[in-house]
Amino acid sequence: MTAKSKPRQAVKAAAKATAKTVVKAKAKAKAKAPSSKAEVSPSTTKTTNSNPRTEVLRKMLLERRQEVMKEIDGLIGHRMSDEIQRRVDSAPDVGDQALLDTERVRDISIMELRNKMRQQIDEALVKLEEGTYGRCADCGAEITEKRLRAVPFARRCVTCQEKQEMLEKIEMEEEQEL
């Protein structure tokens, strides 16, 4: 197994594992769904009423996930074509080798970031199936679609996120003073 195939295999394995998690969450959500109107609770009704929003958010998440996967595949394809080109070239000099190594590290870092984003989107899809996606973790308010389009895996509304960032900034300043 070559060094270039390890990141690709890791990304594919993570994608398969996450896909299984999403499928399991969907199955679990379907199993929990009430079978008759007599069993419908107020919380279930609330989820059912927000169905158009849920579908819009699901579509947005799936589109964003597809974009991220295309970026990952593009990076993997780029790395593979570079490896083939490197084999065609004879022995690169020290400067060329240093540049290639730097590009490889950069590409791997970008792939890791994209894979992390994909994982967060997959987690958001699971939360969507559970009915907890799009709600602020701090205040419980509905997160706006505009914010979710910008940051599909947002856990807080803008107000709570700003408060959190201010607290983190204050903590960092206090640590620097010590």
Protein backbone atom coordinates (compact mmCIF):
# COMPACT_ATOMS: atom_id res chain seq x y z
CA MET A 1 0.00 0.00 0.00
CA THR A 2 1.43 3.36 -0.97
CA ALA A 3 1.45 6.50 1.14
CA LYS A 4 -0.93 8.20 -1.27
CA SER A 5 -3.58 5.51 -0.99
CA LYS A 6 -3.73 5.60 2.82
CA PRO A 7 -5.49 9.01 3.06
CA ARG A 8 -7.90 8.00 0.30
CA GLN A 9 -8.75 4.73 2.00
CA ALA A 10 -9.18 6.50 5.33
CA VAL A 11 -11.56 9.03 3.79
CA LYS A 12 -13.56 6.31 2.02
CA ALA A 13 -13.75 4.21 5.19
CA ALA A 14 -14.93 7.22 7.20
CA ALA A 15 -17.53 8.02 4.53
CA LYS A 16 -18.86 4.45 4.59
CA ALA A 17 -19.03 4.43 8.40
CA THR A 18 -20.86 7.74 8.47
CA ALA A 19 -23.26 6.64 5.74
CA LYS A 20 -24.11 3.59 7.86
CA THR A 21 -24.73 5.88 10.85
CA VAL A 22 -27.09 8.06 8.80
CA VAL A 23 -28.97 4.97 7.55
CA LYS A 24 -29.26 3.64 11.11
CA ALA A 25 -30.53 7.02 12.34
CA LYS A 26 -33.15 7.08 9.57
CA ALA A 27 -34.27 3.56 10.46
CA LYS A 28 -34.42 4.47 14.14
CA ALA A 29 -36.44 7.61 13.38
CA LYS A 30 -38.88 5.59 11.25
CA ALA A 31 -39.21 2.97 14.00
CA LYS A 32 -40.03 5.68 16.54
CA ALA A 33 -42.63 7.31 14.27
CA PRO A 34 -46.17 6.86 15.56
CA SER A 35 -48.37 4.54 13.52
CA SER A 36 -51.70 6.26 14.16
CA LYS A 37 -52.99 9.75 14.87
CA ALA A 38 -54.00 8.68 18.36
CA GLU A 39 -50.33 8.17 19.26
CA VAL A 40 -49.17 11.60 18.04
CA SER A 41 -47.67 13.66 20.84
CA PRO A 42 -47.22 17.46 20.85
CA SER A 43 -43.47 17.11 20.22
CA THR A 44 -44.12 14.80 17.25
CA THR A 45 -46.68 17.24 15.87
CA LYS A 46 -44.15 20.05 16.13
CA THR A 47 -41.62 18.03 14.07
CA THR A 48 -44.30 17.15 11.52
CA ASN A 49 -45.34 20.81 11.18
CA SER A 50 -41.77 21.85 10.39
CA ASN A 51 -41.55 19.25 7.61
CA PRO A 52 -40.99 21.80 4.79
CA ARG A 53 -38.13 23.33 6.80
CA THR A 54 -36.74 19.88 7.50
CA GLU A 55 -36.79 18.98 3.82
CA VAL A 56 -35.09 22.27 2.87
CA LEU A 57 -32.41 21.69 5.51
CA ARG A 58 -31.93 18.05 4.46
CA LYS A 59 -31.51 19.07 0.83
CA MET A 60 -29.05 21.81 1.81
CA LEU A 61 -27.00 19.43 3.95
CA LEU A 62 -26.89 16.75 1.26
CA GLU A 63 -25.83 19.31 -1.38
CA ARG A 64 -23.10 20.65 0.90
CA ARG A 65 -21.93 17.12 1.68
CA GLN A 66 -21.75 16.35 -2.03
CA GLU A 67 -19.66 19.50 -2.63
CA VAL A 68 -17.24 18.49 0.13
CA MET A 69 -16.96 14.95 -1.24
CA LYS A 70 -16.18 16.35 -4.71
CA GLU A 71 -13.42 18.49 -3.17
CA ILE A 72 -12.00 15.44 -1.40
CA ASP A 73 -12.14 13.35 -4.57
CA GLY A 74 -10.50 16.19 -6.51
CA LEU A 75 -7.67 16.42 -3.99
CA ILE A 76 -7.18 12.66 -4.09
CA GLY A 77 -7.17 12.68 -7.89
CA HIS A 78 -4.67 15.54 -7.90
CA ARG A 79 -2.39 13.67 -5.50
CA MET A 80 -2.59 10.51 -7.61
CA SER A 81 -1.74 12.37 -10.83
CA ASP A 82 1.20 14.01 -9.04
CA GLU A 83 2.44 10.61 -7.93
CA ILE A 84 2.27 9.29 -11.51
CA GLN A 85 4.10 12.38 -12.80
CA ARG A 86 6.76 11.96 -10.14
CA ARG A 87 7.38 8.40 -11.31
CA VAL A 88 7.72 9.60 -14.91
CA ASP A 89 10.27 12.23 -13.92
CA SER A 90 13.65 10.85 -13.09
CA ALA A 91 15.13 11.90 -9.77
CA PRO A 92 13.93 15.33 -8.64
CA ASP A 93 16.53 17.63 -7.12
CA VAL A 94 16.39 18.66 -3.46
CA GLY A 95 14.38 21.84 -4.15
CA ASP A 96 11.79 20.01 -6.24
CA GLN A 97 11.48 17.29 -3.61
CA ALA A 98 11.00 19.88 -0.85
CA LEU A 99 8.27 21.59 -2.89
CA LEU A 100 6.54 18.26 -3.55
CA ASP A 101 6.69 17.36 0.14
CA THR A 102 5.23 20.74 1.11
CA GLU A 103 2.41 20.34 -1.41
CA ARG A 104 1.70 16.83 -0.13
CA VAL A 105 1.46 18.03 3.47
CA ARG A 106 -0.81 20.92 2.41
CA ASP A 107 -3.09 18.63 0.42
CA ILE A 108 -3.34 16.14 3.26
CA SER A 109 -4.20 18.96 5.68
CA ILE A 110 -6.91 20.21 3.33
CA MET A 111 -8.28 16.68 2.96
CA GLU A 112 -8.40 16.30 6.73
CA LEU A 113 -10.28 19.59 7.08
CA ARG A 114 -12.75 18.62 4.36
CA ASN A 115 -13.23 15.19 5.93
CA LYS A 116 -13.89 16.81 9.31
CA MET A 117 -16.46 19.08 7.64
CA ARG A 118 -18.07 16.03 6.03
CA GLN A 119 -18.25 14.32 9.41
CA GLN A 120 -19.90 17.38 10.94
CA ILE A 121 -22.43 17.48 8.10
CA ASP A 122 -23.14 13.78 8.64
CA GLU A 123 -23.69 14.45 12.35
CA ALA A 124 -26.05 17.28 11.39
CA LEU A 125 -27.99 14.86 9.15
CA VAL A 126 -28.35 12.46 12.07
CA LYS A 127 -29.59 15.32 14.29
CA LEU A 128 -32.03 16.29 11.55
CA GLU A 129 -33.48 12.78 11.60
CA GLU A 130 -33.70 12.92 15.39
CA GLY A 131 -35.46 16.28 15.20
CA THR A 132 -32.79 18.22 17.09
CA TYR A 133 -31.05 19.89 14.14
CA GLY A 134 -31.40 23.64 13.73
CA ARG A 135 -31.91 24.38 17.43
CA CYS A 136 -29.41 26.34 19.49
CA ALA A 137 -27.61 24.16 22.03
CA ASP A 138 -27.55 27.03 24.54
CA CYS A 139 -30.91 28.81 24.34
CA GLY A 140 -32.98 26.30 22.34
CA ALA A 141 -34.07 28.91 19.79
CA GLU A 142 -34.39 27.99 16.13
CA ILE A 143 -31.19 28.75 14.19
CA THR A 144 -31.93 30.75 11.04
CA GLU A 145 -31.66 29.08 7.64
CA LYS A 146 -29.25 31.82 6.59
CA ARG A 147 -26.84 30.79 9.35
CA LEU A 148 -27.29 27.09 8.63
CA ARG A 149 -26.52 27.70 4.94
CA ALA A 150 -23.30 29.47 5.92
CA VAL A 151 -22.36 26.96 8.62
CA PRO A 152 -24.45 23.79 8.17
CA PHE A 153 -23.12 22.22 11.34
CA ALA A 154 -23.75 25.28 13.55
CA ARG A 155 -24.68 24.31 17.09
CA ARG A 156 -25.57 27.80 18.31
CA CYS A 157 -27.60 30.76 17.10
CA VAL A 158 -25.65 33.90 16.17
CA THR A 159 -26.27 35.58 19.53
CA CYS A 160 -25.14 32.60 21.61
CA GLN A 161 -22.15 32.00 19.30
CA GLU A 162 -21.06 35.63 19.76
CA LYS A 163 -21.31 35.23 23.55
CA GLN A 164 -19.28 32.01 23.37
CA GLU A 165 -16.59 33.66 21.26
CA MET A 166 -16.39 36.61 23.69
CA LEU A 167 -15.95 34.21 26.61
CA GLU A 168 -13.21 32.35 24.74
CA LYS A 169 -11.47 35.64 23.91
CA ILE A 170 -11.57 36.72 27.55
CA GLU A 171 -10.19 33.34 28.65
CA MET A 172 -7.35 33.58 26.12
CA GLU A 173 -6.47 37.11 27.29
CA GLU A 174 -6.44 35.92 30.91
CA GLU A 175 -4.15 33.00 30.01
CA GLN A 176 -1.76 35.34 28.19
CA GLU A 177 -1.54 37.61 31.23
CA LEU A 178 -0.45 34.71 33.44
